[in-house]
Amino acid sequence: MRVFIPCESLATETRVALIPESVQKLFQMGVAVVVERGAGLKSNFLDTDYEEAGATISDDRVGELGKADLVARVRKPPKEEILTLKSGAFHVSFLDPFNETELIDSMAAVGVTAVSMEMIPRTTLAQKMDALSSQANLAGYFAVIKGADRLNRILPMMMTPAGTISPSRVFVIGVGVAGLQAIATAKRLGARVEAFDTRPVVEEQVKSLGAKFVKIDLGDTGQTDQGYAKELTPEQIKKQQEGMAKICAQSDIVITTAKLFGRPAPKIVTEEMVAGMKFGSVIVDLAVESGGNVVGSKLNEEVQIENGPKIIGIGALEDRVAVHASQMFSANIFNFIEHFWNEDQKTINCDLDDEILAGCVITHGGAIVHERFKKS
């Protein structure tokens, strides 16, 4: 089998789909890996590192896309490159399938087996392939680092001869993977941390990290079978906003992580809540790429509210720690290949009755095969 790792098409993307460590493992399995020249540079991996791991470096992007049995990248492919892929080849990346119907149609038409890393099921068996969770961990960590960097005060309590400095207050909204890591990071840095989630079941996890769980009575909420928060009614959203307004007003850093899979992010922090926050405080909106949780947040911008907080809306914060983000994404890709590897045929088994493949394979054999995206 021949695997190709192209440079990412999005100029701001710093991650690479496979790092040399994973390339070496694939090479030992009998997989031929070709890496486009410079693909790993933004993640601090040199072409020579890949060559030492057993990969071939190529300048022929179009040619390699057409020869590869599997193309792996972080972001979705440009539409024009889909036509260069050979029929029957695997394409593995984040695909944003809910919003890229034209892209999916094109992949089906070419006969590509398109694997969407967002759609890996959240099961114990698939955990090692769960790229959404691995990247969310890093985003949650860096949200705190970025917030602390833009806050003109320190996070921990400090006792000095000149007096005692009170700890900064951090409020995390949304206690998924990113939220839990944000809580843990803020606590390690010495902040006083509070957190809220619509799912009462996460209260124990919040407390185990040393943070306070903010209770707001919203009635029946719960979570989906995949572990995501369910969408709230307008009445529940209003109650939530009223309950959070006081906490936001007291906080130095507010981090929002609430996302609805396949749908725009809910607006949780209103204009009034933003206006009620302290001058010099910071909001980090982790959902900005899907519309944002904060009214006034802008993708890849920092917005300064007059006499109020800074709103940081940087997309894909995990890009800012590209070495480890690439390491984790690469492990997810390698684990996917290894899990479905057919040693005798030196290829990937594609049994769509398999629970994991049924969850993440969007197109196969010239058709859209995923139940959620099939045309009626």
Protein backbone atom coordinates (compact mmCIF):
# COMPACT_ATOMS: atom_id res chain seq x y z
CA MET A 1 0.00 0.00 0.00
CA ARG A 2 1.16 3.52 -0.84
CA VAL A 3 0.37 6.40 1.55
CA PHE A 4 0.78 10.06 0.61
CA ILE A 5 1.01 12.99 3.03
CA PRO A 6 0.53 16.31 1.20
CA CYS A 7 1.24 19.78 2.55
CA GLU A 8 -1.90 21.27 4.05
CA SER A 9 -3.80 23.52 1.65
CA LEU A 10 -4.92 25.98 4.34
CA ALA A 11 -2.10 28.48 4.82
CA THR A 12 -2.76 28.88 8.55
CA GLU A 13 -2.71 25.13 9.26
CA THR A 14 0.46 24.17 11.13
CA ARG A 15 -0.21 20.47 11.77
CA VAL A 16 0.86 17.53 9.65
CA ALA A 17 -1.11 14.30 9.29
CA LEU A 18 1.77 11.90 10.02
CA ILE A 19 4.96 12.52 11.97
CA PRO A 20 8.19 10.55 11.39
CA GLU A 21 7.53 8.22 14.33
CA SER A 22 4.29 6.99 12.75
CA VAL A 23 5.91 6.83 9.32
CA GLN A 24 8.54 4.49 10.72
CA LYS A 25 5.86 2.19 12.15
CA LEU A 26 4.07 2.10 8.81
CA PHE A 27 7.34 1.41 7.00
CA GLN A 28 7.92 -1.56 9.30
CA MET A 29 4.45 -2.86 8.36
CA GLY A 30 5.43 -2.81 4.69
CA VAL A 31 3.68 0.44 3.79
CA ALA A 32 5.35 2.80 1.32
CA VAL A 33 5.01 6.37 2.62
CA VAL A 34 5.54 9.43 0.42
CA VAL A 35 5.64 12.89 2.00
CA GLU A 36 5.37 16.13 0.05
CA ARG A 37 8.48 18.24 0.51
CA GLY A 38 8.10 20.59 3.48
CA ALA A 39 4.89 19.01 4.78
CA GLY A 40 6.18 18.78 8.35
CA LEU A 41 8.14 22.03 8.60
CA LYS A 42 5.45 24.01 10.45
CA SER A 43 5.39 21.22 13.03
CA ASN A 44 9.19 21.24 13.31
CA PHE A 45 9.69 17.98 11.40
CA LEU A 46 12.34 18.14 8.68
CA ASP A 47 12.25 16.26 5.38
CA THR A 48 15.39 14.45 6.53
CA ASP A 49 13.50 13.23 9.62
CA TYR A 50 10.95 11.60 7.32
CA GLU A 51 13.63 10.10 5.09
CA GLU A 52 15.36 8.58 8.11
CA ALA A 53 12.00 7.07 9.12
CA GLY A 54 11.70 5.36 5.72
CA ALA A 55 9.61 7.84 3.74
CA THR A 56 10.23 9.19 0.25
CA ILE A 57 10.12 12.96 -0.25
CA SER A 58 8.34 14.16 -3.37
CA ASP A 59 7.75 17.45 -5.19
CA ASP A 60 5.08 15.91 -7.42
CA ARG A 61 1.92 16.64 -5.42
CA VAL A 62 -0.57 15.96 -8.23
CA GLY A 63 1.19 12.79 -9.34
CA GLU A 64 1.36 11.38 -5.82
CA LEU A 65 -2.30 12.16 -5.15
CA GLY A 66 -3.14 10.08 -8.21
CA LYS A 67 -0.93 7.13 -7.22
CA ALA A 68 -1.69 6.89 -3.50
CA ASP A 69 -3.84 4.11 -2.05
CA LEU A 70 -4.40 6.31 0.99
CA VAL A 71 -4.09 10.08 1.33
CA ALA A 72 -3.97 11.43 4.87
CA ARG A 73 -4.16 15.08 5.82
CA VAL A 74 -5.51 17.20 8.66
CA ARG A 75 -7.98 19.47 6.83
CA LYS A 76 -10.50 18.71 4.12
CA PRO A 77 -9.10 18.62 0.56
CA PRO A 78 -9.59 21.37 -2.01
CA LYS A 79 -12.38 20.38 -4.42
CA GLU A 80 -10.06 20.48 -7.41
CA GLU A 81 -7.77 17.84 -5.86
CA ILE A 82 -10.53 15.28 -5.46
CA LEU A 83 -10.53 14.68 -9.21
CA THR A 84 -6.85 13.69 -9.04
CA LEU A 85 -7.49 10.85 -6.56
CA LYS A 86 -7.71 7.36 -7.95
CA SER A 87 -10.87 5.29 -7.65
CA GLY A 88 -10.79 3.00 -4.64
CA ALA A 89 -8.27 5.10 -2.72
CA PHE A 90 -8.83 6.03 0.93
CA HIS A 91 -8.89 9.69 1.92
CA VAL A 92 -8.55 10.25 5.68
CA SER A 93 -8.93 13.71 7.25
CA PHE A 94 -11.32 16.06 8.99
CA LEU A 95 -14.06 16.53 6.38
CA ASP A 96 -16.78 18.66 8.02
CA PRO A 97 -19.37 16.39 6.33
CA PHE A 98 -22.45 18.22 7.61
CA ASN A 99 -21.39 21.39 5.81
CA GLU A 100 -19.57 19.97 2.78
CA THR A 101 -22.22 18.19 0.75
CA GLU A 102 -20.63 19.20 -2.57
CA LEU A 103 -17.27 17.84 -1.44
CA ILE A 104 -18.84 14.55 -0.38
CA ASP A 105 -20.71 14.27 -3.67
CA SER A 106 -17.42 14.74 -5.54
CA MET A 107 -15.65 12.07 -3.49
CA ALA A 108 -18.47 9.61 -4.13
CA ALA A 109 -18.40 10.37 -7.85
CA VAL A 110 -14.65 9.66 -8.05
CA GLY A 111 -15.03 6.39 -6.12
CA VAL A 112 -12.98 7.47 -3.11
CA THR A 113 -13.43 5.88 0.32
CA ALA A 114 -13.72 9.06 2.38
CA VAL A 115 -13.05 8.71 6.11
CA SER A 116 -14.16 11.65 8.26
CA MET A 117 -12.11 11.83 11.45
CA GLU A 118 -14.88 13.89 13.11
CA MET A 119 -17.20 10.91 12.80
CA ILE A 120 -15.07 8.35 14.65
CA PRO A 121 -17.50 6.87 17.22
CA ARG A 122 -16.92 7.73 20.85
CA THR A 123 -16.51 4.15 22.02
CA THR A 124 -13.83 2.45 24.09
CA LEU A 125 -12.54 0.51 21.08
CA ALA A 126 -12.31 3.63 18.90
CA GLN A 127 -10.81 5.86 21.58
CA LYS A 128 -7.28 5.56 20.20
CA MET A 129 -8.54 6.93 16.84
CA ASP A 130 -10.65 9.77 18.30
CA ALA A 131 -9.00 12.80 16.74
CA LEU A 132 -11.68 15.23 17.89
CA SER A 133 -10.92 14.42 21.51
CA SER A 134 -7.15 14.43 21.09
CA GLN A 135 -7.22 17.87 19.49
CA ALA A 136 -9.82 19.24 21.92
CA ASN A 137 -7.50 18.33 24.80
CA LEU A 138 -4.82 20.60 23.39
CA ALA A 139 -7.28 23.38 22.53
CA GLY A 140 -8.53 23.39 26.12
CA TYR A 141 -4.98 23.62 27.41
CA PHE A 142 -3.97 26.43 25.09
CA ALA A 143 -7.17 28.39 25.74
CA VAL A 144 -5.97 28.89 29.31
CA ILE A 145 -2.43 29.75 28.20
CA LYS A 146 -3.76 32.28 25.69
CA GLY A 147 -6.19 33.75 28.19
CA ALA A 148 -3.45 34.10 30.81
CA ASP A 149 -1.16 35.73 28.25
CA ARG A 150 -3.75 38.40 27.43
CA LEU A 151 -4.75 38.97 31.07
CA ASN A 152 -2.80 41.75 32.75
CA ARG A 153 -2.52 39.90 36.03
CA ILE A 154 -1.18 36.60 37.34
CA LEU A 155 -3.31 33.52 37.90
CA PRO A 156 -2.08 32.10 41.25
CA MET A 157 -2.40 33.54 44.72
CA MET A 158 0.92 34.98 45.79
CA MET A 159 2.00 36.08 49.28
CA THR A 160 4.68 38.76 49.18
CA PRO A 161 6.20 41.27 51.62
CA ALA A 162 4.14 43.91 49.78
CA GLY A 163 0.90 42.05 50.42
CA THR A 164 -1.17 39.11 49.23
CA ILE A 165 -2.29 38.80 45.60
CA SER A 166 -5.64 37.07 45.23
CA PRO A 167 -5.91 34.28 42.63
CA SER A 168 -7.53 35.10 39.31
CA ARG A 169 -10.96 33.66 38.65
CA VAL A 170 -11.50 31.42 35.63
CA PHE A 171 -14.96 30.35 34.47
CA VAL A 172 -15.18 27.43 32.02
CA ILE A 173 -18.45 26.99 30.15
CA GLY A 174 -18.85 23.49 28.72
CA VAL A 175 -17.24 20.51 30.41
CA GLY A 176 -16.37 18.24 27.51
CA VAL A 177 -12.84 17.17 26.68
CA ALA A 178 -11.65 20.74 26.03
CA GLY A 179 -13.41 22.08 29.10
CA LEU A 180 -11.95 19.47 31.43
CA GLN A 181 -8.45 20.17 30.16
CA ALA A 182 -9.02 23.93 30.56
CA ILE A 183 -10.13 23.36 34.15
CA ALA A 184 -7.12 21.18 34.91
CA THR A 185 -4.69 23.64 33.32
CA ALA A 186 -6.15 26.68 35.09
CA LYS A 187 -6.00 24.84 38.43
CA ARG A 188 -2.37 23.85 37.83
CA LEU A 189 -1.59 27.52 37.21
CA GLY A 190 -3.18 28.42 40.54
CA ALA A 191 -6.44 30.05 39.46
CA ARG A 192 -9.75 29.82 41.26
CA VAL A 193 -11.86 27.82 38.80
CA GLU A 194 -15.60 27.48 38.32
CA ALA A 195 -17.33 25.51 35.57
CA PHE A 196 -20.78 24.97 34.13
CA ASP A 197 -22.31 22.38 31.84
CA THR A 198 -25.88 21.52 30.93
CA ARG A 199 -25.15 17.89 31.83
CA PRO A 200 -25.31 17.43 35.64
CA VAL A 201 -23.48 14.13 35.21
CA VAL A 202 -20.14 15.99 34.79
CA GLU A 203 -20.31 17.64 38.24
CA GLU A 204 -18.22 14.88 39.79
CA GLN A 205 -15.52 15.29 37.12
CA VAL A 206 -15.35 19.03 37.74
CA LYS A 207 -15.01 18.57 41.49
CA SER A 208 -12.34 15.87 41.02
CA LEU A 209 -10.18 18.51 39.34
CA GLY A 210 -10.57 20.87 42.28
CA ALA A 211 -13.01 23.27 40.63
CA LYS A 212 -16.47 24.40 41.68
CA PHE A 213 -19.44 23.24 39.60
CA VAL A 214 -21.98 26.00 39.03
CA LYS A 215 -25.53 24.66 39.35
CA ILE A 216 -28.29 26.23 37.25
CA ASP A 217 -31.69 24.51 37.23
CA LEU A 218 -32.56 24.05 33.55
CA GLY A 219 -34.96 21.14 33.90
CA ASP A 220 -34.41 18.09 31.69
CA THR A 221 -31.11 18.33 29.72
CA GLY A 222 -28.89 15.24 29.52
CA GLN A 223 -26.57 14.15 26.74
CA THR A 224 -26.59 12.23 23.46
CA ASP A 225 -25.48 8.60 23.13
CA GLN A 226 -22.15 9.96 21.82
CA GLY A 227 -21.61 12.00 24.99
CA TYR A 228 -22.41 15.42 23.52
CA ALA A 229 -24.68 17.93 25.24
CA LYS A 230 -28.21 18.04 23.87
CA GLU A 231 -29.49 21.23 22.28
CA LEU A 232 -31.35 23.46 24.74
CA THR A 233 -34.76 25.04 24.28
CA PRO A 234 -34.95 28.87 24.08
CA GLU A 235 -36.37 28.92 27.62
CA GLN A 236 -33.49 26.82 28.95
CA ILE A 237 -30.94 29.02 27.18
CA LYS A 238 -32.43 32.13 28.83
CA LYS A 239 -32.25 30.52 32.28
CA GLN A 240 -28.67 29.46 31.62
CA GLN A 241 -27.64 32.96 30.56
CA GLU A 242 -29.23 34.53 33.61
CA GLY A 243 -27.46 32.07 35.90
CA MET A 244 -24.08 32.60 34.26
CA ALA A 245 -24.18 36.40 34.05
CA LYS A 246 -23.13 36.90 37.69
CA ILE A 247 -20.26 34.41 37.40
CA CYS A 248 -19.00 36.07 34.20
CA ALA A 249 -19.08 39.49 35.89
CA GLN A 250 -16.80 38.20 38.65
CA SER A 251 -14.41 36.30 36.36
CA ASP A 252 -11.06 37.38 34.99
CA ILE A 253 -11.05 34.72 32.25
CA VAL A 254 -14.11 33.09 30.69
CA ILE A 255 -13.55 30.11 28.37
CA THR A 256 -16.45 28.85 26.27
CA THR A 257 -16.28 25.36 24.72
CA ALA A 258 -19.92 24.57 23.87
CA LYS A 259 -20.31 23.00 20.43
CA LEU A 260 -23.21 21.18 18.81
CA PHE A 261 -21.90 18.52 16.48
CA GLY A 262 -22.84 19.30 12.88
CA ARG A 263 -24.68 22.50 13.80
CA PRO A 264 -23.79 26.13 14.56
CA ALA A 265 -22.51 26.73 18.09
CA PRO A 266 -25.10 28.08 20.55
CA LYS A 267 -24.85 31.74 21.58
CA ILE A 268 -24.30 31.44 25.31
CA VAL A 269 -22.56 34.68 26.32
CA THR A 270 -24.82 37.55 25.32
CA GLU A 271 -23.97 41.16 24.58
CA GLU A 272 -25.34 42.10 28.01
CA MET A 273 -23.16 39.49 29.73
CA VAL A 274 -20.09 40.75 27.87
CA ALA A 275 -20.92 44.35 28.85
CA GLY A 276 -21.20 43.27 32.47
CA MET A 277 -17.66 41.89 32.63
CA LYS A 278 -14.70 43.72 34.14
CA PHE A 279 -12.43 45.96 32.10
CA GLY A 280 -9.28 43.98 31.36
CA SER A 281 -10.92 40.58 31.64
CA VAL A 282 -10.60 38.04 28.82
CA ILE A 283 -13.01 35.73 26.99
CA VAL A 284 -11.66 32.84 24.90
CA ASP A 285 -14.28 31.46 22.48
CA LEU A 286 -13.29 27.92 21.48
CA ALA A 287 -16.39 27.52 19.32
CA VAL A 288 -15.64 30.50 17.08
CA GLU A 289 -15.08 28.35 13.95
CA SER A 290 -18.66 27.08 14.11
CA GLY A 291 -20.25 30.47 14.76
CA GLY A 292 -19.05 31.15 18.29
CA ASN A 293 -20.57 30.99 21.77
CA VAL A 294 -19.97 34.66 22.42
CA VAL A 295 -21.84 37.55 20.83
CA GLY A 296 -19.17 39.75 19.28
CA SER A 297 -16.47 37.13 18.80
CA LYS A 298 -14.81 37.11 15.37
CA LEU A 299 -12.85 34.29 13.76
CA ASN A 300 -9.09 34.78 14.08
CA GLU A 301 -9.48 38.18 15.69
CA GLU A 302 -9.16 39.73 19.14
CA VAL A 303 -12.00 42.16 19.83
CA GLN A 304 -11.58 44.75 22.57
CA ILE A 305 -14.90 45.81 24.07
CA GLU A 306 -14.83 49.42 25.24
CA ASN A 307 -14.31 49.44 29.03
CA GLY A 308 -14.89 45.71 28.96
CA PRO A 309 -13.20 42.39 28.15
CA LYS A 310 -11.07 41.24 25.26
CA ILE A 311 -12.79 38.54 23.19
CA ILE A 312 -10.31 36.10 21.65
CA GLY A 313 -11.71 34.16 18.70
CA ILE A 314 -8.75 32.22 17.36
CA GLY A 315 -9.79 29.17 15.33
CA ALA A 316 -8.16 25.78 15.95
CA LEU A 317 -6.13 26.75 19.00
CA GLU A 318 -4.43 23.36 18.82
CA ASP A 319 -2.53 24.73 15.82
CA ARG A 320 -0.55 26.85 18.29
CA VAL A 321 1.02 23.70 19.77
CA ALA A 322 1.60 22.02 16.42
CA VAL A 323 4.28 19.57 17.52
CA HIS A 324 2.05 17.79 20.00
CA ALA A 325 -1.12 18.35 17.98
CA SER A 326 0.55 16.61 15.04
CA GLN A 327 1.87 13.86 17.31
CA MET A 328 -1.62 13.10 18.58
CA PHE A 329 -3.35 13.36 15.20
CA SER A 330 -0.66 11.17 13.66
CA ALA A 331 -1.21 8.55 16.34
CA ASN A 332 -4.95 8.63 15.59
CA ILE A 333 -4.30 8.07 11.87
CA PHE A 334 -1.76 5.31 12.50
CA ASN A 335 -4.09 3.56 14.96
CA PHE A 336 -6.87 3.67 12.37
CA ILE A 337 -4.65 2.07 9.72
CA GLU A 338 -3.23 -0.51 12.12
CA HIS A 339 -6.66 -1.47 13.49
CA PHE A 340 -8.02 -2.32 10.03
CA TRP A 341 -4.77 -3.60 8.53
CA ASN A 342 -4.87 -6.81 6.53
CA GLU A 343 -1.39 -8.24 6.95
CA ASP A 344 -1.74 -10.82 4.18
CA GLN A 345 -2.97 -8.40 1.53
CA LYS A 346 -1.04 -5.37 2.85
CA THR A 347 -4.11 -3.19 2.68
CA ILE A 348 -6.97 -1.87 4.81
CA ASN A 349 -10.07 -3.97 5.34
CA CYS A 350 -13.21 -1.96 4.62
CA ASP A 351 -16.09 -3.91 6.11
CA LEU A 352 -18.88 -1.36 6.49
CA ASP A 353 -20.64 -3.65 8.96
CA ASP A 354 -17.87 -2.77 11.39
CA GLU A 355 -19.18 -0.27 13.95
CA ILE A 356 -16.23 2.10 13.64
CA LEU A 357 -16.16 2.14 9.84
CA ALA A 358 -19.94 2.47 9.67
CA GLY A 359 -19.56 5.58 11.80
CA CYS A 360 -16.75 7.33 9.95
CA VAL A 361 -16.79 6.19 6.29
CA ILE A 362 -18.84 8.72 4.35
CA THR A 363 -18.34 7.51 0.75
CA HIS A 364 -17.30 4.14 -0.65
CA GLY A 365 -17.58 2.30 -3.96
CA GLY A 366 -18.93 5.30 -5.84
CA ALA A 367 -21.74 6.11 -3.40
CA ILE A 368 -22.49 7.94 -0.18
CA VAL A 369 -22.79 5.09 2.30
CA HIS A 370 -23.09 6.82 5.68
CA GLU A 371 -26.67 6.63 6.94
CA ARG A 372 -26.75 10.30 7.99
CA PHE A 373 -25.67 11.60 4.59
CA LYS A 374 -27.33 9.26 2.09
CA LYS A 375 -29.53 10.96 -0.46
CA SER A 376 -33.20 10.12 -0.13
